[in-house]
Amino acid sequence: MNILNEKNHELAESVYFLSDMIGTKIFYNEKKIGKLRDIAIREHEKLPTVTHLYVSRPFGHKPLMIPWGNVTDISPCGIVVDLPALEQFEGEPAESQVLLNDHILDKKVLDMDDNEVDVVYDVKLVLRGKVLYVTDVDFSRYALFKRLGLKPIMKLLFSGTNLLKKETLSWSYVQPLPEDIGRFRGAVKLRILKDKLSDIHPMDLADILEELNEEQRLAIFNELETEHASDTLEEIEPRVQRTLISSIKKERAAELINDMTPAQAADILSILPAQEADEILALLEKENAEKIHHMLDKQEEKIINLSTSHFIKLSPDMKVSEVLSQFRDLAKDKDEIAYIYAVDEKGTLMGVLDLKEVLQAELDDKLADIMTTSVISLKPDSTLDEAAETFARYNFRSLPIVDEREVILGIILYRDVMNLKHRFV
């Protein structure tokens, strides 16, 4: 895979294991210059990122510390780097740099009470876009046998058993390593955060889960107690909510939904496919399910039925002086006067103006000169729930409703949407 030149590289992930990478040949200008000795990482992110490759060289040449940004290709044949000159990158890792091979591999994994759980036999890395993340530590027998060169034999002897079951632990469970880690001294230990998950605020935990891949996210989410999981689920963005609920058993989803208020439950179920939402509703307590059903029905109400045609719409060629002189008459009996919608002779929405912008403009300016042409709008079949989400995102007082030809059909007011939503929720 070419890291820098592949057009769609950000759409896919590539998975690597440290044990497979160590010893890999490094190529520069089509010549082998050494082998990968170690990988340096930076830990200040939610998931550590690779910063440098530590490369050993033959014939007494000094080792290299090659920035990850200079890697152009990774393949089974080797790693290709692009450097202005080798001499610029000669040197040893800094005392503060964390090295996966030296500092992490073969270290004991301890729980919060310093009880030994297992040993790290491998480290999983995932390439997303141009960034190589450290995502998991692997303490499985599979990783141990692979390190010992016994993988083919173990597959032959124990095919179909659970002996080679993968056992990885998300790096999110690993406490930060000491800043003064230095070179390998055999004293670095890892600690598992599992027992501390309950102490993490749902909002903070939601932020962490959103940064992980689906497998890691599900592993951590499944460790949470019902109340904590339910509170965390409410804080997660809709896209991740959808994937999480689809990944867990319907019975577990119903348990979490039952722990929410009907309003919170309706908001989450509204983002799911109808069949999936119905399956979960069928498992809820009857009274709770009926309340949620009622709210979901109202959330699906089309906002065109709640819109008003009593708003100010003017030609973009109209001058500010004309607007100001006629404004009292223009605003009479209107439901919204804070915004002026600029439309052509066919009613096509051309732009929108805040009254404040009009008051601050020059009298000879035309509305076309000062209007915002990139207008956030809704469609006639947009739902009450979709309108509420749009208002929450942009903080507008009203939103225009336009058809497929961008003809303005009406506007929906913030107060109407939110009051109606709160009444049913």
Protein backbone atom coordinates (compact mmCIF):
# COMPACT_ATOMS: atom_id res chain seq x y z
CA MET A 1 0.00 0.00 0.00
CA ASN A 2 1.39 3.41 -0.94
CA ILE A 3 0.71 5.62 2.05
CA LEU A 4 1.10 9.02 0.42
CA ASN A 5 -0.01 8.50 -3.16
CA GLU A 6 -3.06 6.27 -2.99
CA LYS A 7 -6.10 8.49 -3.60
CA ASN A 8 -8.54 6.56 -1.43
CA HIS A 9 -6.18 5.68 1.40
CA GLU A 10 -8.27 7.57 3.97
CA LEU A 11 -11.30 5.39 3.28
CA ALA A 12 -9.65 2.15 4.39
CA GLU A 13 -7.69 0.80 7.35
CA SER A 14 -4.61 -1.40 7.29
CA VAL A 15 -3.72 -3.55 10.31
CA TYR A 16 -0.17 -4.42 11.35
CA PHE A 17 1.39 -6.28 14.29
CA LEU A 18 4.65 -5.19 15.86
CA SER A 19 6.13 -8.70 15.80
CA ASP A 20 5.64 -8.83 12.03
CA MET A 21 7.20 -5.41 11.48
CA ILE A 22 10.35 -5.74 13.61
CA GLY A 23 13.22 -6.82 11.37
CA THR A 24 11.50 -5.59 8.21
CA LYS A 25 13.92 -4.33 5.54
CA ILE A 26 14.06 -0.57 5.01
CA PHE A 27 14.58 0.75 1.46
CA TYR A 28 15.83 4.16 0.34
CA ASN A 29 16.41 4.99 -3.34
CA GLU A 30 15.66 1.32 -4.15
CA LYS A 31 18.52 0.17 -1.91
CA LYS A 32 18.30 -1.65 1.40
CA ILE A 33 19.72 0.60 4.12
CA GLY A 34 18.88 -1.42 7.25
CA LYS A 35 16.18 -3.17 9.25
CA LEU A 36 13.42 -1.92 11.53
CA ARG A 37 14.62 -2.24 15.12
CA ASP A 38 11.84 -0.44 16.95
CA ILE A 39 8.92 1.99 16.64
CA ALA A 40 8.67 5.22 18.65
CA ILE A 41 5.24 6.52 19.67
CA ARG A 42 3.69 9.66 21.14
CA GLU A 43 1.19 9.04 23.95
CA HIS A 44 -0.58 12.36 24.42
CA GLU A 45 -3.42 11.35 22.06
CA LYS A 46 -6.36 9.17 23.09
CA LEU A 47 -4.65 6.51 21.03
CA PRO A 48 -0.85 6.74 20.69
CA THR A 49 0.52 7.57 17.25
CA VAL A 50 3.76 6.43 15.65
CA THR A 51 6.33 9.22 15.33
CA HIS A 52 9.58 7.51 14.23
CA LEU A 53 11.05 4.28 12.93
CA TYR A 54 14.27 3.24 14.71
CA VAL A 55 16.41 1.60 12.02
CA SER A 56 19.58 -0.43 12.62
CA ARG A 57 22.22 -0.42 9.88
CA PRO A 58 24.98 -2.89 8.94
CA PHE A 59 28.77 -2.45 8.73
CA GLY A 60 29.07 -0.11 11.70
CA HIS A 61 26.87 2.64 10.26
CA LYS A 62 25.02 4.76 12.80
CA PRO A 63 21.33 3.89 13.36
CA LEU A 64 18.59 6.12 11.95
CA MET A 65 15.55 7.78 13.53
CA ILE A 66 13.22 8.24 10.55
CA PRO A 67 10.05 10.35 11.06
CA TRP A 68 6.85 8.53 10.19
CA GLY A 69 6.00 11.26 7.70
CA ASN A 70 8.93 10.13 5.54
CA VAL A 71 7.49 6.62 5.06
CA THR A 72 6.01 6.25 1.58
CA ASP A 73 5.15 2.56 1.35
CA ILE A 74 4.65 -0.55 3.49
CA SER A 75 4.46 -3.98 1.89
CA PRO A 76 5.47 -7.59 2.72
CA CYS A 77 8.73 -6.88 0.87
CA GLY A 78 9.71 -3.99 3.12
CA ILE A 79 9.24 -0.38 4.13
CA VAL A 80 10.16 2.39 1.69
CA VAL A 81 11.27 5.81 2.95
CA ASP A 82 11.96 9.09 1.20
CA LEU A 83 14.74 11.18 2.76
CA PRO A 84 16.73 14.21 1.61
CA ALA A 85 19.93 12.67 3.03
CA LEU A 86 20.57 9.73 5.37
CA GLU A 87 23.09 11.63 7.48
CA GLN A 88 20.43 14.06 8.68
CA PHE A 89 18.56 11.24 10.44
CA GLU A 90 21.42 9.44 12.17
CA GLY A 91 21.04 9.10 15.93
CA GLU A 92 19.51 7.26 18.85
CA PRO A 93 16.02 7.63 20.38
CA ALA A 94 15.62 10.38 22.94
CA GLU A 95 15.47 9.34 26.59
CA SER A 96 11.81 10.37 26.74
CA GLN A 97 10.64 8.44 23.67
CA VAL A 98 8.47 5.37 24.21
CA LEU A 99 9.60 2.42 22.10
CA LEU A 100 7.13 -0.39 21.48
CA ASN A 101 9.67 -3.19 21.20
CA ASP A 102 11.89 -2.10 24.09
CA HIS A 103 9.31 -0.75 26.51
CA ILE A 104 6.07 -2.63 25.83
CA LEU A 105 6.72 -6.07 24.33
CA ASP A 106 7.07 -8.90 26.89
CA LYS A 107 6.07 -6.65 29.79
CA LYS A 108 3.71 -7.79 32.49
CA VAL A 109 0.11 -6.59 32.41
CA LEU A 110 -1.06 -5.69 35.91
CA ASP A 111 -4.51 -4.89 37.19
CA MET A 112 -5.22 -1.91 39.44
CA ASP A 113 -4.10 -3.90 42.52
CA ASP A 114 -0.76 -4.89 40.95
CA ASN A 115 -1.91 -8.46 40.37
CA GLU A 116 -0.30 -9.96 37.27
CA VAL A 117 -2.87 -10.61 34.54
CA ASP A 118 -0.71 -11.62 31.61
CA VAL A 119 2.22 -10.66 29.39
CA VAL A 120 2.20 -8.49 26.27
CA TYR A 121 3.29 -10.71 23.39
CA ASP A 122 2.39 -8.34 20.58
CA VAL A 123 1.08 -4.86 19.78
CA LYS A 124 -1.58 -4.08 17.18
CA LEU A 125 -1.22 -1.00 14.97
CA VAL A 126 -3.82 0.43 12.58
CA LEU A 127 -3.10 2.74 9.67
CA ARG A 128 -5.91 5.25 9.11
CA GLY A 129 -5.24 7.81 6.44
CA LYS A 130 -1.61 8.78 6.90
CA VAL A 131 -1.55 8.17 10.67
CA LEU A 132 -0.38 4.90 12.24
CA TYR A 133 -2.14 4.35 15.58
CA VAL A 134 -1.32 1.93 18.40
CA THR A 135 -4.71 0.39 19.18
CA ASP A 136 -4.25 -2.82 21.22
CA VAL A 137 -1.89 -4.95 23.27
CA ASP A 138 -2.09 -8.68 22.52
CA PHE A 139 -1.54 -11.26 25.27
CA SER A 140 -3.01 -14.27 23.46
CA ARG A 141 -1.37 -17.67 23.10
CA TYR A 142 -1.66 -17.11 19.39
CA ALA A 143 0.69 -14.12 19.67
CA LEU A 144 3.07 -16.09 21.89
CA PHE A 145 3.27 -19.04 19.48
CA LYS A 146 3.71 -16.67 16.56
CA ARG A 147 6.63 -15.02 18.35
CA LEU A 148 8.17 -18.45 18.93
CA GLY A 149 7.76 -19.36 15.26
CA LEU A 150 5.24 -22.10 16.10
CA LYS A 151 2.14 -20.69 14.42
CA PRO A 152 1.97 -23.26 11.56
CA ILE A 153 2.44 -26.15 13.99
CA MET A 154 -0.14 -24.86 16.47
CA LYS A 155 -2.70 -24.33 13.71
CA LEU A 156 -2.15 -27.92 12.59
CA LEU A 157 -2.39 -29.43 16.09
CA PHE A 158 -5.18 -27.33 17.51
CA SER A 159 -7.32 -26.43 14.52
CA GLY A 160 -10.94 -25.82 15.56
CA THR A 161 -10.13 -25.26 19.25
CA ASN A 162 -10.09 -22.05 21.25
CA LEU A 163 -6.39 -22.32 21.99
CA LEU A 164 -5.52 -19.77 19.33
CA LYS A 165 -8.31 -17.38 20.24
CA LYS A 166 -7.19 -13.74 19.92
CA GLU A 167 -7.04 -11.90 23.23
CA THR A 168 -6.37 -8.22 22.72
CA LEU A 169 -6.89 -5.31 25.06
CA SER A 170 -7.58 -1.82 23.77
CA TRP A 171 -4.83 0.68 24.52
CA SER A 172 -7.58 2.82 26.04
CA TYR A 173 -7.27 0.52 29.07
CA VAL A 174 -3.55 1.21 29.41
CA GLN A 175 -2.53 3.97 31.79
CA PRO A 176 -0.02 6.55 30.49
CA LEU A 177 3.57 5.38 30.69
CA PRO A 178 6.07 7.47 32.73
CA GLU A 179 7.49 10.50 30.94
CA ASP A 180 11.04 9.66 32.07
CA ILE A 181 10.84 6.17 30.62
CA GLY A 182 14.39 6.23 29.19
CA ARG A 183 15.80 3.24 27.35
CA PHE A 184 14.73 -0.27 28.33
CA ARG A 185 15.51 -1.11 31.94
CA GLY A 186 13.10 -4.00 32.45
CA ALA A 187 10.95 -2.09 34.99
CA VAL A 188 8.12 -0.67 32.87
CA LYS A 189 4.72 -2.13 33.68
CA LEU A 190 1.30 -1.71 32.15
CA ARG A 191 -1.90 -1.30 34.12
CA ILE A 192 -5.45 -2.07 33.00
CA LEU A 193 -8.07 0.67 33.37
CA LYS A 194 -11.07 -1.68 33.32
CA ASP A 195 -11.82 -1.26 37.02
CA LYS A 196 -11.75 2.53 36.59
CA LEU A 197 -14.27 2.74 33.74
CA SER A 198 -17.07 3.44 36.18
CA ASP A 199 -15.23 6.59 37.32
CA ILE A 200 -15.17 8.17 33.86
CA HIS A 201 -17.95 10.71 33.28
CA PRO A 202 -20.35 9.59 30.49
CA MET A 203 -19.56 12.70 28.42
CA ASP A 204 -15.80 12.03 28.61
CA LEU A 205 -16.30 8.35 27.94
CA ALA A 206 -18.43 9.18 24.90
CA ASP A 207 -15.55 11.27 23.51
CA ILE A 208 -13.17 8.33 23.99
CA LEU A 209 -15.51 5.82 22.35
CA GLU A 210 -16.06 8.06 19.33
CA GLU A 211 -12.30 8.00 18.62
CA LEU A 212 -12.01 4.20 18.64
CA ASN A 213 -12.75 1.71 15.89
CA GLU A 214 -15.92 -0.39 16.12
CA GLU A 215 -14.25 -3.44 17.64
CA GLN A 216 -12.53 -1.49 20.43
CA ARG A 217 -15.60 0.66 21.06
CA LEU A 218 -17.84 -2.37 21.49
CA ALA A 219 -15.34 -4.11 23.78
CA ILE A 220 -15.25 -1.17 26.18
CA PHE A 221 -18.99 -0.43 25.95
CA ASN A 222 -19.82 -4.04 26.87
CA GLU A 223 -17.85 -3.64 30.10
CA LEU A 224 -20.13 -0.85 31.39
CA GLU A 225 -22.87 -1.30 33.94
CA THR A 226 -26.37 -0.67 32.59
CA GLU A 227 -26.86 2.81 34.07
CA HIS A 228 -23.39 3.97 33.04
CA ALA A 229 -23.80 2.50 29.54
CA SER A 230 -27.21 4.14 29.15
CA ASP A 231 -25.91 7.56 30.23
CA THR A 232 -22.88 7.23 27.94
CA LEU A 233 -25.03 6.19 24.98
CA GLU A 234 -27.05 9.41 25.32
CA GLU A 235 -23.86 11.49 24.97
CA ILE A 236 -22.51 9.73 21.87
CA GLU A 237 -23.02 11.28 18.45
CA PRO A 238 -25.88 9.73 16.38
CA ARG A 239 -23.61 7.98 13.85
CA VAL A 240 -21.80 6.09 16.62
CA GLN A 241 -25.04 5.48 18.53
CA ARG A 242 -26.42 3.74 15.46
CA THR A 243 -23.43 1.41 15.04
CA LEU A 244 -23.27 0.60 18.75
CA ILE A 245 -26.94 -0.30 19.07
CA SER A 246 -26.77 -2.38 15.89
CA SER A 247 -23.77 -4.27 17.29
CA ILE A 248 -25.25 -5.31 20.64
CA LYS A 249 -28.04 -7.79 21.33
CA LYS A 250 -31.57 -6.40 21.08
CA GLU A 251 -32.23 -7.46 24.67
CA ARG A 252 -29.23 -5.43 25.86
CA ALA A 253 -30.34 -2.45 23.77
CA ALA A 254 -33.83 -2.66 25.29
CA GLU A 255 -32.31 -2.78 28.78
CA LEU A 256 -30.38 0.43 28.09
CA ILE A 257 -33.38 2.16 26.48
CA ASN A 258 -35.60 1.24 29.45
CA ASP A 259 -33.14 3.03 31.73
CA MET A 260 -33.68 6.32 29.85
CA THR A 261 -36.50 8.81 29.98
CA PRO A 262 -39.03 8.38 27.15
CA ALA A 263 -37.70 11.56 25.55
CA GLN A 264 -34.11 10.33 25.51
CA ALA A 265 -35.21 6.93 24.24
CA ALA A 266 -37.23 8.48 21.41
CA ASP A 267 -34.25 10.56 20.29
CA ILE A 268 -32.04 7.47 20.04
CA LEU A 269 -34.61 5.15 18.46
CA SER A 270 -35.43 7.81 15.86
CA ILE A 271 -31.98 7.40 14.26
CA LEU A 272 -32.39 3.63 13.78
CA PRO A 273 -33.96 1.84 10.82
CA ALA A 274 -37.70 1.40 11.46
CA GLN A 275 -37.53 -2.40 11.73
CA GLU A 276 -34.68 -2.28 14.24
CA ALA A 277 -36.46 0.35 16.34
CA ASP A 278 -39.68 -1.71 16.32
CA GLU A 279 -37.81 -4.84 17.47
CA ILE A 280 -36.36 -2.96 20.44
CA LEU A 281 -39.70 -1.29 21.28
CA ALA A 282 -41.33 -4.73 21.40
CA LEU A 283 -38.96 -5.69 24.24
CA LEU A 284 -39.63 -2.60 26.36
CA GLU A 285 -42.03 -2.26 29.25
CA LYS A 286 -45.50 -1.69 27.74
CA GLU A 287 -46.21 1.71 29.32
CA ASN A 288 -42.77 3.02 28.42
CA ALA A 289 -43.04 1.71 24.85
CA GLU A 290 -46.39 3.46 24.33
CA LYS A 291 -44.95 6.81 25.43
CA ILE A 292 -41.95 6.40 23.14
CA HIS A 293 -44.19 5.37 20.21
CA HIS A 294 -46.22 8.55 20.67
CA MET A 295 -43.10 10.71 20.64
CA LEU A 296 -41.65 8.97 17.61
CA ASP A 297 -44.87 9.58 15.69
CA LYS A 298 -44.70 13.29 16.47
CA GLN A 299 -41.00 13.42 15.56
CA GLU A 300 -41.93 12.10 12.12
CA GLU A 301 -44.52 14.83 11.52
CA LYS A 302 -43.63 16.82 8.39
CA ILE A 303 -42.57 20.37 9.18
CA ILE A 304 -44.30 21.79 6.08
CA ASN A 305 -47.52 21.32 8.08
CA LEU A 306 -46.08 23.51 10.84
CA SER A 307 -44.65 26.24 8.60
CA THR A 308 -45.84 29.80 8.06
CA SER A 309 -46.02 31.96 4.94
CA HIS A 310 -46.03 35.17 6.99
CA PHE A 311 -42.42 36.29 6.50
CA ILE A 312 -40.57 39.02 4.60
CA LYS A 313 -39.39 38.16 1.09
CA LEU A 314 -37.97 40.79 -1.22
CA SER A 315 -36.13 41.12 -4.50
CA PRO A 316 -32.31 40.99 -4.20
CA ASP A 317 -32.20 44.13 -6.38
CA MET A 318 -34.01 46.17 -3.74
CA LYS A 319 -31.93 48.89 -2.07
CA VAL A 320 -31.36 49.08 1.67
CA SER A 321 -32.90 52.58 1.74
CA GLU A 322 -36.13 51.20 0.27
CA VAL A 323 -36.27 48.37 2.79
CA LEU A 324 -35.79 50.72 5.73
CA SER A 325 -38.40 53.22 4.51
CA GLN A 326 -40.99 50.46 3.96
CA PHE A 327 -40.06 48.23 6.86
CA ARG A 328 -43.01 49.09 9.11
CA ASP A 329 -45.44 48.00 6.39
CA LEU A 330 -43.31 45.00 5.39
CA ALA A 331 -43.21 43.71 8.98
CA LYS A 332 -46.95 44.12 9.61
CA ASP A 333 -48.65 40.81 10.53
CA LYS A 334 -45.46 38.84 9.90
CA ASP A 335 -44.47 35.92 12.16
CA GLU A 336 -40.77 36.53 11.56
CA ILE A 337 -39.16 39.93 11.03
CA ALA A 338 -35.56 39.29 12.10
CA TYR A 339 -34.72 37.70 8.72
CA ILE A 340 -35.35 38.92 5.19
CA TYR A 341 -35.43 36.29 2.44
CA ALA A 342 -34.27 37.42 -1.01
CA VAL A 343 -36.18 35.71 -3.85
CA ASP A 344 -36.38 36.16 -7.63
CA GLU A 345 -39.55 36.58 -9.68
CA LYS A 346 -40.16 32.80 -9.60
CA GLY A 347 -39.90 32.63 -5.83
CA THR A 348 -36.48 30.95 -5.93
CA LEU A 349 -34.55 31.56 -2.72
CA MET A 350 -31.41 33.57 -3.59
CA GLY A 351 -30.16 34.51 -0.13
CA VAL A 352 -31.00 35.56 3.40
CA LEU A 353 -30.25 38.68 5.45
CA ASP A 354 -30.30 39.35 9.16
CA LEU A 355 -32.06 42.60 9.97
CA LYS A 356 -28.93 43.72 11.83
CA GLU A 357 -26.93 43.44 8.59
CA VAL A 358 -29.47 45.61 6.79
CA LEU A 359 -29.35 48.29 9.49
CA GLN A 360 -25.54 48.39 9.34
CA ALA A 361 -25.30 48.52 5.53
CA GLU A 362 -24.94 51.56 3.29
CA LEU A 363 -28.24 53.03 2.08
CA ASP A 364 -27.31 52.57 -1.60
CA ASP A 365 -26.37 48.90 -1.13
CA LYS A 366 -28.60 46.34 -2.78
CA LEU A 367 -29.73 43.30 -0.82
CA ALA A 368 -27.76 41.17 -3.30
CA ASP A 369 -24.58 42.95 -2.15
CA ILE A 370 -24.92 42.00 1.51
CA MET A 371 -27.04 38.83 1.60
CA THR A 372 -25.75 35.38 2.54
CA THR A 373 -26.14 33.10 -0.47
CA SER A 374 -25.20 29.85 1.27
CA VAL A 375 -28.53 29.22 2.99
CA ILE A 376 -29.31 26.38 5.40
CA SER A 377 -32.76 25.09 4.51
CA LEU A 378 -35.18 22.22 5.02
CA LYS A 379 -37.26 20.18 2.58
CA PRO A 380 -41.07 19.81 2.68
CA ASP A 381 -40.76 16.22 3.89
CA SER A 382 -38.24 17.06 6.64
CA THR A 383 -39.48 15.88 10.03
CA LEU A 384 -39.96 17.73 13.29
CA ASP A 385 -36.99 15.82 14.69
CA GLU A 386 -34.75 16.81 11.75
CA ALA A 387 -35.79 20.45 12.12
CA ALA A 388 -34.94 20.36 15.84
CA GLU A 389 -31.49 18.92 15.09
CA THR A 390 -30.82 21.63 12.49
CA PHE A 391 -31.88 24.40 14.87
CA ALA A 392 -29.69 22.93 17.60
CA ARG A 393 -26.70 22.86 15.25
CA TYR A 394 -27.01 26.37 13.74
CA ASN A 395 -28.91 28.43 16.36
CA PHE A 396 -31.10 30.23 13.78
CA ARG A 397 -34.42 31.88 14.70
CA SER A 398 -36.13 30.37 11.66
CA LEU A 399 -35.34 28.13 8.69
CA PRO A 400 -36.69 28.32 5.13
CA ILE A 401 -38.41 25.34 3.51
CA VAL A 402 -37.62 24.95 -0.20
CA ASP A 403 -38.67 22.45 -2.86
CA GLU A 404 -36.42 20.63 -5.36
CA ARG A 405 -36.20 23.82 -7.48
CA GLU A 406 -35.16 25.90 -4.42
CA VAL A 407 -38.50 27.75 -4.46
CA ILE A 408 -39.29 28.91 -0.93
CA LEU A 409 -42.54 27.38 0.33
CA GLY A 410 -42.55 28.82 3.83
CA ILE A 411 -40.46 29.10 6.95
CA ILE A 412 -40.43 27.16 10.21
CA LEU A 413 -39.86 29.07 13.46
CA TYR A 414 -37.48 27.89 16.16
CA ARG A 415 -39.99 28.55 18.92
CA ASP A 416 -42.68 26.51 17.17
CA VAL A 417 -40.42 23.50 16.65
CA MET A 418 -38.94 23.47 20.12
CA ASN A 419 -42.21 24.19 21.92
CA LEU A 420 -43.98 21.44 20.01
CA LYS A 421 -41.12 19.02 20.55
CA HIS A 422 -41.00 19.74 24.28
CA ARG A 423 -44.75 19.37 24.59
CA PHE A 424 -44.65 15.84 23.24
CA VAL A 425 -41.33 14.95 24.82
